Amino acid sequence: MGLFSRGSIAFEKIKLSDSKIASDGHATITLNVKNRDQKFDGLVAVLETDDLQGQYLKIDAPSLSLPALDFPNRNTGDHKITITPYNIPLSEMSFKMRLKIMTGSTGKPALEKKFSLTVTKKQ
């Protein structure tokens, strides 16, 4: 399922609107990150999929800068990433996605969440 909390940072909200969509639809990931006592700046949400060349999924914001968490017990507010399928050749295709929250100080994710998305071809 992924890492929901690590130390002083956690997902306040993390939600995929639909895990199964038609090829003419879209899915939205809503996220909100919260800190406890530590301050964080340079937060970036990065969405990766197993559609490495972007042949079948269009992501409106594959990398999204989040506001700094410069006071204790703050959150970034809700942010949305929309995923829209296109050129789906098969009757059904499944994709794995990984949302990572990166901080400015480290090269590894502070938080991450994995999702699965199934797209059915509309006839």
C-alpha atoms as a PDB file:
ATOM      1  CA  MET A   1       0.000   0.000   0.000  1.00  0.00           C
ATOM      2  CA  GLY A   2       2.870   2.388   0.539  1.00  0.00           C
ATOM      3  CA  LEU A   3       4.253   4.603   3.226  1.00  0.00           C
ATOM      4  CA  PHE A   4       1.527   6.831   4.753  1.00  0.00           C
ATOM      5  CA  SER A   5       3.630   8.403   7.512  1.00  0.00           C
ATOM      6  CA  ARG A   6       7.310   8.800   8.226  1.00  0.00           C
ATOM      7  CA  GLY A   7       8.593  10.693  11.240  1.00  0.00           C
ATOM      8  CA  SER A   8       7.177  14.197  11.179  1.00  0.00           C
ATOM      9  CA  ILE A   9       5.374  14.047   7.833  1.00  0.00           C
ATOM     10  CA  ALA A  10       2.221  12.175   6.797  1.00  0.00           C
ATOM     11  CA  PHE A  11      -0.570  12.102   4.234  1.00  0.00           C
ATOM     12  CA  GLU A  12      -3.528  14.038   5.613  1.00  0.00           C
ATOM     13  CA  LYS A  13      -5.503  12.882   2.553  1.00  0.00           C
ATOM     14  CA  ILE A  14      -4.597  10.522  -0.285  1.00  0.00           C
ATOM     15  CA  LYS A  15      -7.345   9.246  -2.573  1.00  0.00           C
ATOM     16  CA  LEU A  16      -7.784   7.856  -6.097  1.00  0.00           C
ATOM     17  CA  SER A  17     -11.245   8.827  -7.380  1.00  0.00           C
ATOM     18  CA  ASP A  18     -11.764   5.605  -9.384  1.00  0.00           C
ATOM     19  CA  SER A  19      -9.606   2.503  -9.716  1.00  0.00           C
ATOM     20  CA  LYS A  20     -11.508   1.366 -12.827  1.00  0.00           C
ATOM     21  CA  ILE A  21     -12.424   3.809 -15.601  1.00  0.00           C
ATOM     22  CA  ALA A  22     -13.548   3.742 -19.232  1.00  0.00           C
ATOM     23  CA  SER A  23     -11.105   4.840 -21.910  1.00  0.00           C
ATOM     24  CA  ASP A  24     -13.080   8.065 -22.428  1.00  0.00           C
ATOM     25  CA  GLY A  25     -13.003   8.924 -18.696  1.00  0.00           C
ATOM     26  CA  HIS A  26     -10.416  10.104 -16.218  1.00  0.00           C
ATOM     27  CA  ALA A  27      -9.256   9.466 -12.658  1.00  0.00           C
ATOM     28  CA  THR A  28      -8.092  12.017 -10.106  1.00  0.00           C
ATOM     29  CA  ILE A  29      -5.627  11.645  -7.252  1.00  0.00           C
ATOM     30  CA  THR A  30      -6.315  14.059  -4.394  1.00  0.00           C
ATOM     31  CA  LEU A  31      -3.508  14.579  -1.913  1.00  0.00           C
ATOM     32  CA  ASN A  32      -2.793  16.666   1.154  1.00  0.00           C
ATOM     33  CA  VAL A  33       0.416  16.394   3.192  1.00  0.00           C
ATOM     34  CA  LYS A  34       0.719  17.340   6.875  1.00  0.00           C
ATOM     35  CA  ASN A  35       3.702  17.875   9.152  1.00  0.00           C
ATOM     36  CA  ARG A  36       3.899  17.486  12.913  1.00  0.00           C
ATOM     37  CA  ASP A  37       6.719  19.425  14.549  1.00  0.00           C
ATOM     38  CA  GLN A  38       9.427  19.458  11.861  1.00  0.00           C
ATOM     39  CA  LYS A  39       9.430  22.088   9.113  1.00  0.00           C
ATOM     40  CA  PHE A  40       9.556  21.062   5.434  1.00  0.00           C
ATOM     41  CA  ASP A  41      10.194  23.134   2.345  1.00  0.00           C
ATOM     42  CA  GLY A  42      10.861  22.149  -1.237  1.00  0.00           C
ATOM     43  CA  LEU A  43       8.107  19.507  -1.181  1.00  0.00           C
ATOM     44  CA  VAL A  44       7.372  17.960  -4.574  1.00  0.00           C
ATOM     45  CA  ALA A  45       4.762  15.328  -5.444  1.00  0.00           C
ATOM     46  CA  VAL A  46       5.950  13.047  -8.271  1.00  0.00           C
ATOM     47  CA  LEU A  47       3.643  10.546  -9.994  1.00  0.00           C
ATOM     48  CA  GLU A  48       5.288   7.641 -11.831  1.00  0.00           C
ATOM     49  CA  THR A  49       3.477   4.960 -13.845  1.00  0.00           C
ATOM     50  CA  ASP A  50       4.490   1.767 -15.589  1.00  0.00           C
ATOM     51  CA  ASP A  51       3.482   3.536 -18.832  1.00  0.00           C
ATOM     52  CA  LEU A  52       7.060   4.804 -19.084  1.00  0.00           C
ATOM     53  CA  GLN A  53       6.786   6.427 -22.507  1.00  0.00           C
ATOM     54  CA  GLY A  54       3.365   7.970 -21.929  1.00  0.00           C
ATOM     55  CA  GLN A  55       1.740   5.988 -24.734  1.00  0.00           C
ATOM     56  CA  TYR A  56      -1.559   5.366 -22.940  1.00  0.00           C
ATOM     57  CA  LEU A  57      -1.853   7.755 -19.963  1.00  0.00           C
ATOM     58  CA  LYS A  58      -1.750  11.544 -19.930  1.00  0.00           C
ATOM     59  CA  ILE A  59      -0.927  12.980 -16.506  1.00  0.00           C
ATOM     60  CA  ASP A  60      -1.748  16.674 -16.160  1.00  0.00           C
ATOM     61  CA  ALA A  61       0.893  17.253 -13.443  1.00  0.00           C
ATOM     62  CA  PRO A  62       3.502  14.456 -13.219  1.00  0.00           C
ATOM     63  CA  SER A  63       5.510  16.696 -10.888  1.00  0.00           C
ATOM     64  CA  LEU A  64       3.751  19.137  -8.565  1.00  0.00           C
ATOM     65  CA  SER A  65       5.383  21.622  -6.180  1.00  0.00           C
ATOM     66  CA  LEU A  66       3.647  21.757  -2.808  1.00  0.00           C
ATOM     67  CA  PRO A  67       3.619  24.704  -0.385  1.00  0.00           C
ATOM     68  CA  ALA A  68       6.194  24.768   2.405  1.00  0.00           C
ATOM     69  CA  LEU A  69       5.178  23.419   5.790  1.00  0.00           C
ATOM     70  CA  ASP A  70       6.920  26.128   7.779  1.00  0.00           C
ATOM     71  CA  PHE A  71       4.964  25.888  11.049  1.00  0.00           C
ATOM     72  CA  PRO A  72       4.105  22.833  13.182  1.00  0.00           C
ATOM     73  CA  ASN A  73       0.868  20.961  12.443  1.00  0.00           C
ATOM     74  CA  ARG A  74       0.225  22.536   9.033  1.00  0.00           C
ATOM     75  CA  ASN A  75      -0.941  20.935   5.803  1.00  0.00           C
ATOM     76  CA  THR A  76      -0.463  21.730   2.141  1.00  0.00           C
ATOM     77  CA  GLY A  77      -4.160  21.877   1.313  1.00  0.00           C
ATOM     78  CA  ASP A  78      -5.774  19.627  -1.281  1.00  0.00           C
ATOM     79  CA  HIS A  79      -4.008  19.186  -4.619  1.00  0.00           C
ATOM     80  CA  LYS A  80      -5.268  17.178  -7.571  1.00  0.00           C
ATOM     81  CA  ILE A  81      -3.530  15.202 -10.309  1.00  0.00           C
ATOM     82  CA  THR A  82      -5.699  14.061 -13.229  1.00  0.00           C
ATOM     83  CA  ILE A  83      -4.928  10.924 -15.240  1.00  0.00           C
ATOM     84  CA  THR A  84      -6.577  10.587 -18.656  1.00  0.00           C
ATOM     85  CA  PRO A  85      -6.215   7.460 -20.811  1.00  0.00           C
ATOM     86  CA  TYR A  86      -5.864   7.621 -24.600  1.00  0.00           C
ATOM     87  CA  ASN A  87      -5.050   5.239 -27.491  1.00  0.00           C
ATOM     88  CA  ILE A  88      -6.040   2.178 -25.442  1.00  0.00           C
ATOM     89  CA  PRO A  89      -5.486  -0.766 -27.847  1.00  0.00           C
ATOM     90  CA  LEU A  90      -6.805  -3.638 -25.696  1.00  0.00           C
ATOM     91  CA  SER A  91     -10.247  -4.225 -24.204  1.00  0.00           C
ATOM     92  CA  GLU A  92      -8.734  -3.789 -20.718  1.00  0.00           C
ATOM     93  CA  MET A  93      -5.368  -2.487 -19.525  1.00  0.00           C
ATOM     94  CA  SER A  94      -4.014  -2.189 -15.988  1.00  0.00           C
ATOM     95  CA  PHE A  95      -1.452   0.350 -14.854  1.00  0.00           C
ATOM     96  CA  LYS A  96       0.583   0.643 -11.671  1.00  0.00           C
ATOM     97  CA  MET A  97       1.198   4.130 -10.316  1.00  0.00           C
ATOM     98  CA  ARG A  98       3.426   5.375  -7.521  1.00  0.00           C
ATOM     99  CA  LEU A  99       3.009   8.791  -5.919  1.00  0.00           C
ATOM    100  CA  LYS A 100       6.131   9.998  -4.117  1.00  0.00           C
ATOM    101  CA  ILE A 101       6.522  13.048  -1.891  1.00  0.00           C
ATOM    102  CA  MET A 102      10.078  14.308  -2.150  1.00  0.00           C
ATOM    103  CA  THR A 103      11.663  16.817   0.227  1.00  0.00           C
ATOM    104  CA  GLY A 104      14.320  19.299  -0.808  1.00  0.00           C
ATOM    105  CA  SER A 105      17.004  17.746   1.376  1.00  0.00           C
ATOM    106  CA  THR A 106      16.965  14.073   0.356  1.00  0.00           C
ATOM    107  CA  GLY A 107      17.044  12.122  -2.867  1.00  0.00           C
ATOM    108  CA  LYS A 108      14.632   9.488  -1.612  1.00  0.00           C
ATOM    109  CA  PRO A 109      10.892   9.833  -1.008  1.00  0.00           C
ATOM    110  CA  ALA A 110       9.677  11.040   2.376  1.00  0.00           C
ATOM    111  CA  LEU A 111       6.291   9.426   1.640  1.00  0.00           C
ATOM    112  CA  GLU A 112       4.895   7.196  -1.056  1.00  0.00           C
ATOM    113  CA  LYS A 113       1.631   5.549  -2.046  1.00  0.00           C
ATOM    114  CA  LYS A 114       0.976   2.932  -4.722  1.00  0.00           C
ATOM    115  CA  PHE A 115      -2.193   2.761  -6.814  1.00  0.00           C
ATOM    116  CA  SER A 116      -3.590   0.468  -9.511  1.00  0.00           C
ATOM    117  CA  LEU A 117      -5.705   1.815 -12.349  1.00  0.00           C
ATOM    118  CA  THR A 118      -7.671  -0.355 -14.786  1.00  0.00           C
ATOM    119  CA  VAL A 119      -8.863   1.144 -18.060  1.00  0.00           C
ATOM    120  CA  THR A 120     -11.564  -0.568 -20.130  1.00  0.00           C
ATOM    121  CA  LYS A 121     -11.804   0.297 -23.806  1.00  0.00           C
ATOM    122  CA  LYS A 122     -15.077   1.936 -24.719  1.00  0.00           C
ATOM    123  CA  GLN A 123     -16.581   0.276 -27.798  1.00  0.00           C
END
